[in-house]
């Protein structure tokens, strides 16, 4: 077992216990105990980290720290809706709906050139 150094979410270097895949297979109890006591263990294959084994506490902390995808999308939608309801956006949409086909074609060409 050697130690791998990773950066945590605060940018701090953290030593992570490292086991080869063969060691993990042959001594899984020791690997599990290490993950439980240290929070995580790196499993390597050909001297390259390929997997992480997390303790339940580390896993739950990781899941709870993650924002819910729907909350993130709701915030983006609310911001977009607020922007679209501004007077300038409303006026621009009214202009676009009232534009002739030629004016729309000209605007599309100008936009493609920029």
PDB file of N, CA and C in Angstrom:
ATOM      1  N   UNK A   1       0.846  -1.175   0.000  1.00  0.00           N
ATOM      2  CA  UNK A   1       0.000   0.000   0.000  1.00  0.00           C
ATOM      3  C   UNK A   1       0.889   1.235   0.000  1.00  0.00           C
ATOM      4  N   UNK A   2       0.653   2.141  -0.938  1.00  0.00           N
ATOM      5  CA  UNK A   2       1.348   3.415  -0.960  1.00  0.00           C
ATOM      6  C   UNK A   2       0.300   4.515  -0.856  1.00  0.00           C
ATOM      7  N   UNK A   3       0.731   5.763  -0.948  1.00  0.00           N
ATOM      8  CA  UNK A   3      -0.224   6.865  -0.821  1.00  0.00           C
ATOM      9  C   UNK A   3      -0.229   7.712  -2.082  1.00  0.00           C
ATOM     10  N   UNK A   4      -1.399   8.027  -2.533  1.00  0.00           N
ATOM     11  CA  UNK A   4      -1.637   8.890  -3.687  1.00  0.00           C
ATOM     12  C   UNK A   4      -2.057  10.237  -3.124  1.00  0.00           C
ATOM     13  N   UNK A   5      -1.651  11.335  -3.757  1.00  0.00           N
ATOM     14  CA  UNK A   5      -2.038  12.660  -3.296  1.00  0.00           C
ATOM     15  C   UNK A   5      -3.038  13.250  -4.272  1.00  0.00           C
ATOM     16  N   UNK A   6      -4.200  13.651  -3.745  1.00  0.00           N
ATOM     17  CA  UNK A   6      -5.248  14.289  -4.530  1.00  0.00           C
ATOM     18  C   UNK A   6      -5.590  15.626  -3.903  1.00  0.00           C
ATOM     19  N   UNK A   7      -6.264  16.477  -4.663  1.00  0.00           N
ATOM     20  CA  UNK A   7      -6.736  17.742  -4.105  1.00  0.00           C
ATOM     21  C   UNK A   7      -8.201  17.602  -3.744  1.00  0.00           C
ATOM     22  N   UNK A   8      -8.559  18.070  -2.552  1.00  0.00           N
ATOM     23  CA  UNK A   8      -9.963  18.038  -2.151  1.00  0.00           C
ATOM     24  C   UNK A   8     -10.677  19.266  -2.717  1.00  0.00           C
ATOM     25  N   UNK A   9     -11.966  19.426  -2.379  1.00  0.00           N
ATOM     26  CA  UNK A   9     -12.754  20.518  -2.935  1.00  0.00           C
ATOM     27  C   UNK A   9     -12.259  21.895  -2.498  1.00  0.00           C
ATOM     28  N   UNK A  10     -11.425  21.969  -1.470  1.00  0.00           N
ATOM     29  CA  UNK A  10     -10.857  23.240  -1.022  1.00  0.00           C
ATOM     30  C   UNK A  10      -9.481  23.503  -1.637  1.00  0.00           C
ATOM     31  N   UNK A  11      -9.003  22.595  -2.480  1.00  0.00           N
ATOM     32  CA  UNK A  11      -7.698  22.747  -3.110  1.00  0.00           C
ATOM     33  C   UNK A  11      -6.547  22.250  -2.258  1.00  0.00           C
ATOM     34  N   UNK A  12      -6.844  21.615  -1.138  1.00  0.00           N
ATOM     35  CA  UNK A  12      -5.801  21.106  -0.256  1.00  0.00           C
ATOM     36  C   UNK A  12      -5.343  19.732  -0.727  1.00  0.00           C
ATOM     37  N   UNK A  13      -4.052  19.446  -0.586  1.00  0.00           N
ATOM     38  CA  UNK A  13      -3.526  18.127  -0.930  1.00  0.00           C
ATOM     39  C   UNK A  13      -3.868  17.143   0.170  1.00  0.00           C
ATOM     40  N   UNK A  14      -4.403  16.002  -0.224  1.00  0.00           N
ATOM     41  CA  UNK A  14      -4.813  14.964   0.724  1.00  0.00           C
ATOM     42  C   UNK A  14      -4.184  13.647   0.279  1.00  0.00           C
ATOM     43  N   UNK A  15      -3.565  12.954   1.216  1.00  0.00           N
ATOM     44  CA  UNK A  15      -2.990  11.643   0.914  1.00  0.00           C
ATOM     45  C   UNK A  15      -4.115  10.607   0.937  1.00  0.00           C
ATOM     46  N   UNK A  16      -4.167   9.796  -0.095  1.00  0.00           N
ATOM     47  CA  UNK A  16      -5.177   8.749  -0.217  1.00  0.00           C
ATOM     48  C   UNK A  16      -4.442   7.412  -0.301  1.00  0.00           C
ATOM     49  N   UNK A  17      -4.844   6.479   0.546  1.00  0.00           N
ATOM     50  CA  UNK A  17      -4.231   5.152   0.511  1.00  0.00           C
ATOM     51  C   UNK A  17      -4.461   4.526  -0.860  1.00  0.00           C
ATOM     52  N   UNK A  18      -3.481   3.818  -1.338  1.00  0.00           N
ATOM     53  CA  UNK A  18      -3.513   3.250  -2.688  1.00  0.00           C
ATOM     54  C   UNK A  18      -3.191   1.768  -2.620  1.00  0.00           C
ATOM     55  N   UNK A  19      -4.023   0.956  -3.262  1.00  0.00           N
ATOM     56  CA  UNK A  19      -3.812  -0.482  -3.336  1.00  0.00           C
ATOM     57  C   UNK A  19      -3.848  -0.894  -4.797  1.00  0.00           C
ATOM     58  N   UNK A  20      -3.009  -1.852  -5.167  1.00  0.00           N
ATOM     59  CA  UNK A  20      -3.100  -2.396  -6.521  1.00  0.00           C
ATOM     60  C   UNK A  20      -4.368  -3.251  -6.592  1.00  0.00           C
ATOM     61  N   UNK A  21      -4.818  -3.497  -7.803  1.00  0.00           N
ATOM     62  CA  UNK A  21      -6.011  -4.331  -7.982  1.00  0.00           C
ATOM     63  C   UNK A  21      -5.779  -5.721  -7.392  1.00  0.00           C
ATOM     64  N   UNK A  22      -4.586  -6.238  -7.532  1.00  0.00           N
ATOM     65  CA  UNK A  22      -4.271  -7.559  -6.977  1.00  0.00           C
ATOM     66  C   UNK A  22      -4.329  -7.529  -5.459  1.00  0.00           C
ATOM     67  N   UNK A  23      -3.739  -6.472  -4.833  1.00  0.00           N
ATOM     68  CA  UNK A  23      -3.810  -6.343  -3.382  1.00  0.00           C
ATOM     69  C   UNK A  23      -5.265  -6.225  -2.918  1.00  0.00           C
ATOM     70  N   UNK A  24      -6.045  -5.445  -3.653  1.00  0.00           N
ATOM     71  CA  UNK A  24      -7.451  -5.258  -3.289  1.00  0.00           C
ATOM     72  C   UNK A  24      -8.203  -6.580  -3.345  1.00  0.00           C
ATOM     73  N   UNK A  25      -7.899  -7.386  -4.362  1.00  0.00           N
ATOM     74  CA  UNK A  25      -8.566  -8.683  -4.509  1.00  0.00           C
ATOM     75  C   UNK A  25      -8.152  -9.640  -3.386  1.00  0.00           C
ATOM     76  N   UNK A  26      -6.873  -9.669  -3.095  1.00  0.00           N
ATOM     77  CA  UNK A  26      -6.361 -10.632  -2.120  1.00  0.00           C
ATOM     78  C   UNK A  26      -6.557 -10.202  -0.666  1.00  0.00           C
ATOM     79  N   UNK A  27      -6.688  -8.894  -0.428  1.00  0.00           N
ATOM     80  CA  UNK A  27      -6.804  -8.379   0.946  1.00  0.00           C
ATOM     81  C   UNK A  27      -7.961  -7.404   1.057  1.00  0.00           C
ATOM     82  N   UNK A  28      -9.126  -7.822   0.566  1.00  0.00           N
ATOM     83  CA  UNK A  28     -10.257  -6.890   0.512  1.00  0.00           C
ATOM     84  C   UNK A  28     -10.651  -6.379   1.893  1.00  0.00           C
ATOM     85  N   UNK A  29     -10.557  -7.218   2.918  1.00  0.00           N
ATOM     86  CA  UNK A  29     -10.897  -6.780   4.274  1.00  0.00           C
ATOM     87  C   UNK A  29     -10.030  -5.614   4.720  1.00  0.00           C
ATOM     88  N   UNK A  30      -8.741  -5.693   4.454  1.00  0.00           N
ATOM     89  CA  UNK A  30      -7.821  -4.605   4.811  1.00  0.00           C
ATOM     90  C   UNK A  30      -8.135  -3.341   4.019  1.00  0.00           C
ATOM     91  N   UNK A  31      -8.447  -3.500   2.725  1.00  0.00           N
ATOM     92  CA  UNK A  31      -8.807  -2.358   1.880  1.00  0.00           C
ATOM     93  C   UNK A  31     -10.084  -1.712   2.411  1.00  0.00           C
ATOM     94  N   UNK A  32     -11.061  -2.515   2.757  1.00  0.00           N
ATOM     95  CA  UNK A  32     -12.330  -2.020   3.279  1.00  0.00           C
ATOM     96  C   UNK A  32     -12.123  -1.292   4.612  1.00  0.00           C
ATOM     97  N   UNK A  33     -11.304  -1.851   5.487  1.00  0.00           N
ATOM     98  CA  UNK A  33     -11.010  -1.197   6.770  1.00  0.00           C
ATOM     99  C   UNK A  33     -10.316   0.147   6.552  1.00  0.00           C
ATOM    100  N   UNK A  34      -9.391   0.192   5.599  1.00  0.00           N
ATOM    101  CA  UNK A  34      -8.676   1.440   5.307  1.00  0.00           C
ATOM    102  C   UNK A  34      -9.630   2.491   4.761  1.00  0.00           C
ATOM    103  N   UNK A  35     -10.501   2.100   3.852  1.00  0.00           N
ATOM    104  CA  UNK A  35     -11.484   3.040   3.297  1.00  0.00           C
ATOM    105  C   UNK A  35     -12.404   3.544   4.396  1.00  0.00           C
ATOM    106  N   UNK A  36     -12.816   2.656   5.279  1.00  0.00           N
ATOM    107  CA  UNK A  36     -13.712   3.037   6.363  1.00  0.00           C
ATOM    108  C   UNK A  36     -13.049   4.034   7.311  1.00  0.00           C
ATOM    109  N   UNK A  37     -11.784   3.819   7.622  1.00  0.00           N
ATOM    110  CA  UNK A  37     -11.098   4.698   8.578  1.00  0.00           C
ATOM    111  C   UNK A  37     -10.572   5.983   7.943  1.00  0.00           C
ATOM    112  N   UNK A  38     -10.181   5.934   6.660  1.00  0.00           N
ATOM    113  CA  UNK A  38      -9.587   7.109   6.017  1.00  0.00           C
ATOM    114  C   UNK A  38     -10.540   7.835   5.062  1.00  0.00           C
ATOM    115  N   UNK A  39     -11.690   7.249   4.806  1.00  0.00           N
ATOM    116  CA  UNK A  39     -12.670   7.900   3.941  1.00  0.00           C
ATOM    117  C   UNK A  39     -12.666   7.398   2.519  1.00  0.00           C
ATOM    118  N   UNK A  40     -11.489   7.036   2.006  1.00  0.00           N
ATOM    119  CA  UNK A  40     -11.408   6.547   0.632  1.00  0.00           C
ATOM    120  C   UNK A  40     -10.106   5.807   0.400  1.00  0.00           C
ATOM    121  N   UNK A  41     -10.125   4.991  -0.641  1.00  0.00           N
ATOM    122  CA  UNK A  41      -8.951   4.222  -1.052  1.00  0.00           C
ATOM    123  C   UNK A  41      -8.918   4.234  -2.580  1.00  0.00           C
ATOM    124  N   UNK A  42      -7.724   4.434  -3.132  1.00  0.00           N
ATOM    125  CA  UNK A  42      -7.549   4.361  -4.581  1.00  0.00           C
ATOM    126  C   UNK A  42      -7.131   2.946  -4.956  1.00  0.00           C
ATOM    127  N   UNK A  43      -7.733   2.411  -6.003  1.00  0.00           N
ATOM    128  CA  UNK A  43      -7.360   1.098  -6.538  1.00  0.00           C
ATOM    129  C   UNK A  43      -6.626   1.359  -7.850  1.00  0.00           C
ATOM    130  N   UNK A  44      -5.440   0.785  -7.969  1.00  0.00           N
ATOM    131  CA  UNK A  44      -4.621   1.034  -9.166  1.00  0.00           C
ATOM    132  C   UNK A  44      -4.517  -0.215 -10.023  1.00  0.00           C
ATOM    133  N   UNK A  45      -4.258   0.031 -11.280  1.00  0.00           N
ATOM    134  CA  UNK A  45      -3.982  -1.045 -12.231  1.00  0.00           C
ATOM    135  C   UNK A  45      -2.807  -0.562 -13.068  1.00  0.00           C
ATOM    136  N   UNK A  46      -1.747  -1.337 -13.080  1.00  0.00           N
ATOM    137  CA  UNK A  46      -0.515  -0.952 -13.781  1.00  0.00           C
ATOM    138  C   UNK A  46      -0.011   0.411 -13.297  1.00  0.00           C
ATOM    139  N   UNK A  47      -0.043   0.604 -11.982  1.00  0.00           N
ATOM    140  CA  UNK A  47       0.446   1.816 -11.310  1.00  0.00           C
ATOM    141  C   UNK A  47      -0.328   3.084 -11.654  1.00  0.00           C
ATOM    142  N   UNK A  48      -1.544   2.947 -12.182  1.00  0.00           N
ATOM    143  CA  UNK A  48      -2.385   4.112 -12.475  1.00  0.00           C
ATOM    144  C   UNK A  48      -3.698   3.977 -11.712  1.00  0.00           C
ATOM    145  N   UNK A  49      -4.132   5.035 -11.020  1.00  0.00           N
ATOM    146  CA  UNK A  49      -5.420   4.959 -10.318  1.00  0.00           C
ATOM    147  C   UNK A  49      -6.545   4.703 -11.315  1.00  0.00           C
ATOM    148  N   UNK A  50      -7.366   3.701 -11.023  1.00  0.00           N
ATOM    149  CA  UNK A  50      -8.472   3.370 -11.922  1.00  0.00           C
ATOM    150  C   UNK A  50      -9.826   3.386 -11.233  1.00  0.00           C
ATOM    151  N   UNK A  51      -9.834   3.331  -9.888  1.00  0.00           N
ATOM    152  CA  UNK A  51     -11.102   3.332  -9.169  1.00  0.00           C
ATOM    153  C   UNK A  51     -10.881   3.869  -7.765  1.00  0.00           C
ATOM    154  N   UNK A  52     -11.988   4.324  -7.157  1.00  0.00           N
ATOM    155  CA  UNK A  52     -11.954   4.786  -5.770  1.00  0.00           C
ATOM    156  C   UNK A  52     -12.996   3.992  -4.993  1.00  0.00           C
ATOM    157  N   UNK A  53     -12.629   3.581  -3.801  1.00  0.00           N
ATOM    158  CA  UNK A  53     -13.558   2.941  -2.881  1.00  0.00           C
ATOM    159  C   UNK A  53     -13.794   3.945  -1.764  1.00  0.00           C
ATOM    160  N   UNK A  54     -15.047   4.377  -1.602  1.00  0.00           N
ATOM    161  CA  UNK A  54     -15.394   5.391  -0.607  1.00  0.00           C
ATOM    162  C   UNK A  54     -16.060   4.757   0.600  1.00  0.00           C
ATOM    163  N   UNK A  55     -15.799   5.357   1.755  1.00  0.00           N
ATOM    164  CA  UNK A  55     -16.551   4.960   2.945  1.00  0.00           C
ATOM    165  C   UNK A  55     -17.973   5.481   2.772  1.00  0.00           C
ATOM    166  N   UNK A  56     -18.897   4.958   3.551  1.00  0.00           N
ATOM    167  CA  UNK A  56     -20.284   5.419   3.474  1.00  0.00           C
ATOM    168  C   UNK A  56     -20.375   6.898   3.837  1.00  0.00           C
ATOM    169  N   UNK A  57     -19.617   7.343   4.838  1.00  0.00           N
ATOM    170  CA  UNK A  57     -19.639   8.757   5.224  1.00  0.00           C
ATOM    171  C   UNK A  57     -19.156   9.650   4.085  1.00  0.00           C
ATOM    172  N   UNK A  58     -18.067   9.248   3.412  1.00  0.00           N
ATOM    173  CA  UNK A  58     -17.545  10.039   2.295  1.00  0.00           C
ATOM    174  C   UNK A  58     -18.535  10.054   1.135  1.00  0.00           C
ATOM    175  N   UNK A  59     -19.162   8.926   0.878  1.00  0.00           N
ATOM    176  CA  UNK A  59     -20.156   8.841  -0.192  1.00  0.00           C
ATOM    177  C   UNK A  59     -21.352   9.749   0.090  1.00  0.00           C
ATOM    178  N   UNK A  60     -21.882   9.688   1.307  1.00  0.00           N
ATOM    179  CA  UNK A  60     -23.037  10.516   1.662  1.00  0.00           C
ATOM    180  C   UNK A  60     -22.685  12.001   1.595  1.00  0.00           C
ATOM    181  N   UNK A  61     -21.484  12.363   2.039  1.00  0.00           N
ATOM    182  CA  UNK A  61     -21.052  13.762   1.961  1.00  0.00           C
ATOM    183  C   UNK A  61     -20.965  14.215   0.499  1.00  0.00           C
ATOM    184  N   UNK A  62     -20.488  13.351  -0.362  1.00  0.00           N
ATOM    185  CA  UNK A  62     -20.380  13.668  -1.786  1.00  0.00           C
ATOM    186  C   UNK A  62     -21.763  13.855  -2.415  1.00  0.00           C
ATOM    187  N   UNK A  63     -22.681  12.974  -2.099  1.00  0.00           N
ATOM    188  CA  UNK A  63     -24.042  13.061  -2.642  1.00  0.00           C
ATOM    189  C   UNK A  63     -24.758  14.299  -2.123  1.00  0.00           C
ATOM    190  N   UNK A  64     -24.620  14.596  -0.850  1.00  0.00           N
ATOM    191  CA  UNK A  64     -25.315  15.738  -0.261  1.00  0.00           C
ATOM    192  C   UNK A  64     -24.730  17.068  -0.730  1.00  0.00           C
ATOM    193  N   UNK A  65     -23.459  17.097  -1.098  1.00  0.00           N
ATOM    194  CA  UNK A  65     -22.829  18.333  -1.549  1.00  0.00           C
ATOM    195  C   UNK A  65     -23.212  18.683  -2.979  1.00  0.00           C
ATOM    196  N   UNK A  66     -23.725  17.723  -3.704  1.00  0.00           N
ATOM    197  CA  UNK A  66     -24.074  17.911  -5.109  1.00  0.00           C
ATOM    198  C   UNK A  66     -25.432  18.611  -5.215  1.00  0.00           C
ATOM    199  N   UNK A  67     -25.500  19.688  -6.006  1.00  0.00           N
ATOM    200  CA  UNK A  67     -26.811  20.337  -6.163  1.00  0.00           C
ATOM    201  C   UNK A  67     -27.757  19.440  -6.951  1.00  0.00           C
ATOM    202  N   UNK A  68     -28.997  19.499  -6.612  1.00  0.00           N
ATOM    203  CA  UNK A  68     -30.004  18.710  -7.325  1.00  0.00           C
ATOM    204  C   UNK A  68     -30.142  19.259  -8.745  1.00  0.00           C
ATOM    205  N   UNK A  69     -30.085  18.388  -9.766  1.00  0.00           N
ATOM    206  CA  UNK A  69     -30.157  18.865 -11.149  1.00  0.00           C
ATOM    207  C   UNK A  69     -31.398  19.700 -11.436  1.00  0.00           C
ATOM    208  N   UNK A  70     -32.529  19.320 -10.879  1.00  0.00           N
ATOM    209  CA  UNK A  70     -33.757  20.056 -11.137  1.00  0.00           C
ATOM    210  C   UNK A  70     -33.693  21.459 -10.537  1.00  0.00           C
ATOM    211  N   UNK A  71     -33.080  21.592  -9.351  1.00  0.00           N
ATOM    212  CA  UNK A  71     -32.928  22.912  -8.741  1.00  0.00           C
ATOM    213  C   UNK A  71     -32.076  23.810  -9.623  1.00  0.00           C
ATOM    214  N   UNK A  72     -31.005  23.255 -10.162  1.00  0.00           N
ATOM    215  CA  UNK A  72     -30.116  24.022 -11.039  1.00  0.00           C
ATOM    216  C   UNK A  72     -30.849  24.467 -12.301  1.00  0.00           C
ATOM    217  N   UNK A  73     -31.606  23.551 -12.897  1.00  0.00           N
ATOM    218  CA  UNK A  73     -32.371  23.902 -14.095  1.00  0.00           C
ATOM    219  C   UNK A  73     -33.448  24.920 -13.783  1.00  0.00           C
ATOM    220  N   UNK A  74     -34.081  24.812 -12.641  1.00  0.00           N
ATOM    221  CA  UNK A  74     -35.108  25.777 -12.252  1.00  0.00           C
ATOM    222  C   UNK A  74     -34.515  27.167 -12.113  1.00  0.00           C
ATOM    223  N   UNK A  75     -33.334  27.263 -11.530  1.00  0.00           N
ATOM    224  CA  UNK A  75     -32.680  28.564 -11.378  1.00  0.00           C
ATOM    225  C   UNK A  75     -32.318  29.149 -12.741  1.00  0.00           C
ATOM    226  N   UNK A  76     -31.815  28.308 -13.655  1.00  0.00           N
ATOM    227  CA  UNK A  76     -31.488  28.784 -15.000  1.00  0.00           C
ATOM    228  C   UNK A  76     -32.737  29.261 -15.726  1.00  0.00           C
ATOM    229  N   UNK A  77     -33.832  28.507 -15.595  1.00  0.00           N
ATOM    230  CA  UNK A  77     -35.081  28.883 -16.246  1.00  0.00           C
ATOM    231  C   UNK A  77     -35.600  30.205 -15.691  1.00  0.00           C
ATOM    232  N   UNK A  78     -35.574  30.357 -14.374  1.00  0.00           N
ATOM    233  CA  UNK A  78     -36.050  31.599 -13.759  1.00  0.00           C
ATOM    234  C   UNK A  78     -35.236  32.798 -14.232  1.00  0.00           C
ATOM    235  N   UNK A  79     -33.911  32.648 -14.325  1.00  0.00           N
ATOM    236  CA  UNK A  79     -33.061  33.739 -14.785  1.00  0.00           C
ATOM    237  C   UNK A  79     -33.357  34.075 -16.248  1.00  0.00           C
ATOM    238  N   UNK A  80     -33.538  33.054 -17.080  1.00  0.00           N
ATOM    239  CA  UNK A  80     -33.848  33.268 -18.491  1.00  0.00           C
ATOM    240  C   UNK A  80     -35.202  33.947 -18.650  1.00  0.00           C
ATOM    241  N   UNK A  81     -36.189  33.494 -17.896  1.00  0.00           N
ATOM    242  CA  UNK A  81     -37.522  34.095 -17.958  1.00  0.00           C
ATOM    243  C   UNK A  81     -37.486  35.560 -17.525  1.00  0.00           C
ATOM    244  N   UNK A  82     -36.747  35.844 -16.475  1.00  0.00           N
ATOM    245  CA  UNK A  82     -36.628  37.227 -16.014  1.00  0.00           C
ATOM    246  C   UNK A  82     -35.982  38.101 -17.089  1.00  0.00           C
ATOM    247  N   UNK A  83     -34.948  37.572 -17.739  1.00  0.00           N
ATOM    248  CA  UNK A  83     -34.277  38.314 -18.816  1.00  0.00           C
ATOM    249  C   UNK A  83     -35.239  38.551 -19.981  1.00  0.00           C
ATOM    250  N   UNK A  84     -36.028  37.536 -20.310  1.00  0.00           N
ATOM    251  CA  UNK A  84     -36.963  37.654 -21.441  1.00  0.00           C
ATOM    252  C   UNK A  84     -38.098  38.631 -21.152  1.00  0.00           C
ATOM    253  N   UNK A  85     -38.391  38.887 -19.893  1.00  0.00           N
ATOM    254  CA  UNK A  85     -39.474  39.786 -19.541  1.00  0.00           C
ATOM    255  C   UNK A  85     -39.027  41.239 -19.407  1.00  0.00           C
ATOM    256  N   UNK A  86     -37.750  41.503 -19.598  1.00  0.00           N
ATOM    257  CA  UNK A  86     -37.250  42.875 -19.534  1.00  0.00           C
ATOM    258  C   UNK A  86     -37.797  43.657 -20.732  1.00  0.00           C
ATOM    259  N   UNK A  87     -38.025  44.956 -20.584  1.00  0.00           N
ATOM    260  CA  UNK A  87     -38.591  45.751 -21.678  1.00  0.00           C
ATOM    261  C   UNK A  87     -37.795  45.657 -22.985  1.00  0.00           C
ATOM    262  N   UNK A  88     -36.476  45.650 -22.911  1.00  0.00           N
ATOM    263  CA  UNK A  88     -35.664  45.591 -24.129  1.00  0.00           C
ATOM    264  C   UNK A  88     -35.888  44.266 -24.867  1.00  0.00           C
ATOM    265  N   UNK A  89     -35.964  43.153 -24.138  1.00  0.00           N
ATOM    266  CA  UNK A  89     -36.192  41.849 -24.768  1.00  0.00           C
ATOM    267  C   UNK A  89     -37.592  41.799 -25.373  1.00  0.00           C
ATOM    268  N   UNK A  90     -38.572  42.353 -24.661  1.00  0.00           N
ATOM    269  CA  UNK A  90     -39.953  42.388 -25.173  1.00  0.00           C
ATOM    270  C   UNK A  90     -40.008  43.180 -26.478  1.00  0.00           C
ATOM    271  N   UNK A  91     -39.374  44.341 -26.504  1.00  0.00           N
ATOM    272  CA  UNK A  91     -39.371  45.177 -27.712  1.00  0.00           C
ATOM    273  C   UNK A  91     -38.671  44.473 -28.872  1.00  0.00           C
ATOM    274  N   UNK A  92     -37.568  43.779 -28.580  1.00  0.00           N
ATOM    275  CA  UNK A  92     -36.842  43.066 -29.634  1.00  0.00           C
ATOM    276  C   UNK A  92     -37.704  41.950 -30.221  1.00  0.00           C
ATOM    277  N   UNK A  93     -38.449  41.239 -29.382  1.00  0.00           N
ATOM    278  CA  UNK A  93     -39.314  40.175 -29.887  1.00  0.00           C
ATOM    279  C   UNK A  93     -40.463  40.740 -30.720  1.00  0.00           C
ATOM    280  N   UNK A  94     -41.030  41.863 -30.283  1.00  0.00           N
ATOM    281  CA  UNK A  94     -42.095  42.492 -31.070  1.00  0.00           C
ATOM    282  C   UNK A  94     -41.565  42.929 -32.433  1.00  0.00           C
ATOM    283  N   UNK A  95     -40.341  43.465 -32.462  1.00  0.00           N
ATOM    284  CA  UNK A  95     -39.712  43.846 -33.736  1.00  0.00           C
ATOM    285  C   UNK A  95     -39.506  42.629 -34.628  1.00  0.00           C
ATOM    286  N   UNK A  96     -39.059  41.516 -34.034  1.00  0.00           N
ATOM    287  CA  UNK A  96     -38.805  40.307 -34.820  1.00  0.00           C
ATOM    288  C   UNK A  96     -40.101  39.750 -35.405  1.00  0.00           C
ATOM    289  N   UNK A  97     -41.162  39.731 -34.623  1.00  0.00           N
ATOM    290  CA  UNK A  97     -42.436  39.218 -35.130  1.00  0.00           C
ATOM    291  C   UNK A  97     -43.049  40.139 -36.174  1.00  0.00           C
ATOM    292  N   UNK A  98     -42.714  41.410 -36.106  1.00  0.00           N
ATOM    293  CA  UNK A  98     -43.270  42.353 -37.067  1.00  0.00           C
ATOM    294  C   UNK A  98     -42.395  42.555 -38.294  1.00  0.00           C
ATOM    295  N   UNK A  99     -41.226  41.909 -38.336  1.00  0.00           N
ATOM    296  CA  UNK A  99     -40.288  42.113 -39.449  1.00  0.00           C
ATOM    297  C   UNK A  99     -40.751  41.361 -40.695  1.00  0.00           C
ATOM    298  N   UNK A 100     -40.386  41.928 -41.835  1.00  0.00           N
ATOM    299  CA  UNK A 100     -40.703  41.282 -43.109  1.00  0.00           C
ATOM    300  C   UNK A 100     -39.747  40.108 -43.342  1.00  0.00           C
ATOM    301  N   UNK A 101     -40.109  39.198 -44.227  1.00  0.00           N
ATOM    302  CA  UNK A 101     -39.199  38.088 -44.540  1.00  0.00           C
ATOM    303  C   UNK A 101     -37.840  38.576 -45.041  1.00  0.00           C
ATOM    304  N   UNK A 102     -37.836  39.652 -45.815  1.00  0.00           N
ATOM    305  CA  UNK A 102     -36.571  40.185 -46.316  1.00  0.00           C
ATOM    306  C   UNK A 102     -35.707  40.708 -45.167  1.00  0.00           C
ATOM    307  N   UNK A 103     -36.333  41.414 -44.217  1.00  0.00           N
ATOM    308  CA  UNK A 103     -35.582  41.935 -43.076  1.00  0.00           C
ATOM    309  C   UNK A 103     -35.028  40.794 -42.223  1.00  0.00           C
ATOM    310  N   UNK A 104     -35.814  39.740 -42.031  1.00  0.00           N
ATOM    311  CA  UNK A 104     -35.328  38.583 -41.276  1.00  0.00           C
ATOM    312  C   UNK A 104     -34.164  37.903 -41.986  1.00  0.00           C
ATOM    313  N   UNK A 105     -34.244  37.767 -43.314  1.00  0.00           N
ATOM    314  CA  UNK A 105     -33.162  37.183 -44.093  1.00  0.00           C
ATOM    315  C   UNK A 105     -31.903  38.001 -43.992  1.00  0.00           C
ATOM    316  N   UNK A 106     -32.044  39.321 -44.083  1.00  0.00           N
ATOM    317  CA  UNK A 106     -30.897  40.235 -43.977  1.00  0.00           C
ATOM    318  C   UNK A 106     -30.269  40.100 -42.599  1.00  0.00           C
ATOM    319  N   UNK A 107     -31.091  40.062 -41.543  1.00  0.00           N
ATOM    320  CA  UNK A 107     -30.566  39.942 -40.171  1.00  0.00           C
ATOM    321  C   UNK A 107     -29.835  38.608 -39.994  1.00  0.00           C
ATOM    322  N   UNK A 108     -30.359  37.546 -40.598  1.00  0.00           N
ATOM    323  CA  UNK A 108     -29.714  36.231 -40.482  1.00  0.00           C
ATOM    324  C   UNK A 108     -28.346  36.244 -41.157  1.00  0.00           C
ATOM    325  N   UNK A 109     -28.276  36.872 -42.328  1.00  0.00           N
ATOM    326  CA  UNK A 109     -26.990  36.957 -43.037  1.00  0.00           C
ATOM    327  C   UNK A 109     -25.984  37.768 -42.229  1.00  0.00           C
ATOM    328  N   UNK A 110     -26.431  38.878 -41.673  1.00  0.00           N
ATOM    329  CA  UNK A 110     -25.539  39.720 -40.857  1.00  0.00           C
ATOM    330  C   UNK A 110     -25.042  38.962 -39.634  1.00  0.00           C
ATOM    331  N   UNK A 111     -25.928  38.202 -39.006  1.00  0.00           N
ATOM    332  CA  UNK A 111     -25.538  37.435 -37.830  1.00  0.00           C
ATOM    333  C   UNK A 111     -24.535  36.334 -38.198  1.00  0.00           C
ATOM    334  N   UNK A 112     -24.723  35.704 -39.352  1.00  0.00           N
ATOM    335  CA  UNK A 112     -23.808  34.650 -39.780  1.00  0.00           C
ATOM    336  C   UNK A 112     -22.421  35.199 -40.079  1.00  0.00           C
ATOM    337  N   UNK A 113     -22.358  36.424 -40.530  1.00  0.00           N
ATOM    338  CA  UNK A 113     -21.057  37.036 -40.859  1.00  0.00           C
ATOM    339  C   UNK A 113     -20.298  37.452 -39.608  1.00  0.00           C
ATOM    340  N   UNK A 114     -20.995  37.695 -38.525  1.00  0.00           N
ATOM    341  CA  UNK A 114     -20.285  38.181 -37.317  1.00  0.00           C
ATOM    342  C   UNK A 114     -19.846  37.080 -36.406  1.00  0.00           C
TER     343      UNK A 114
END
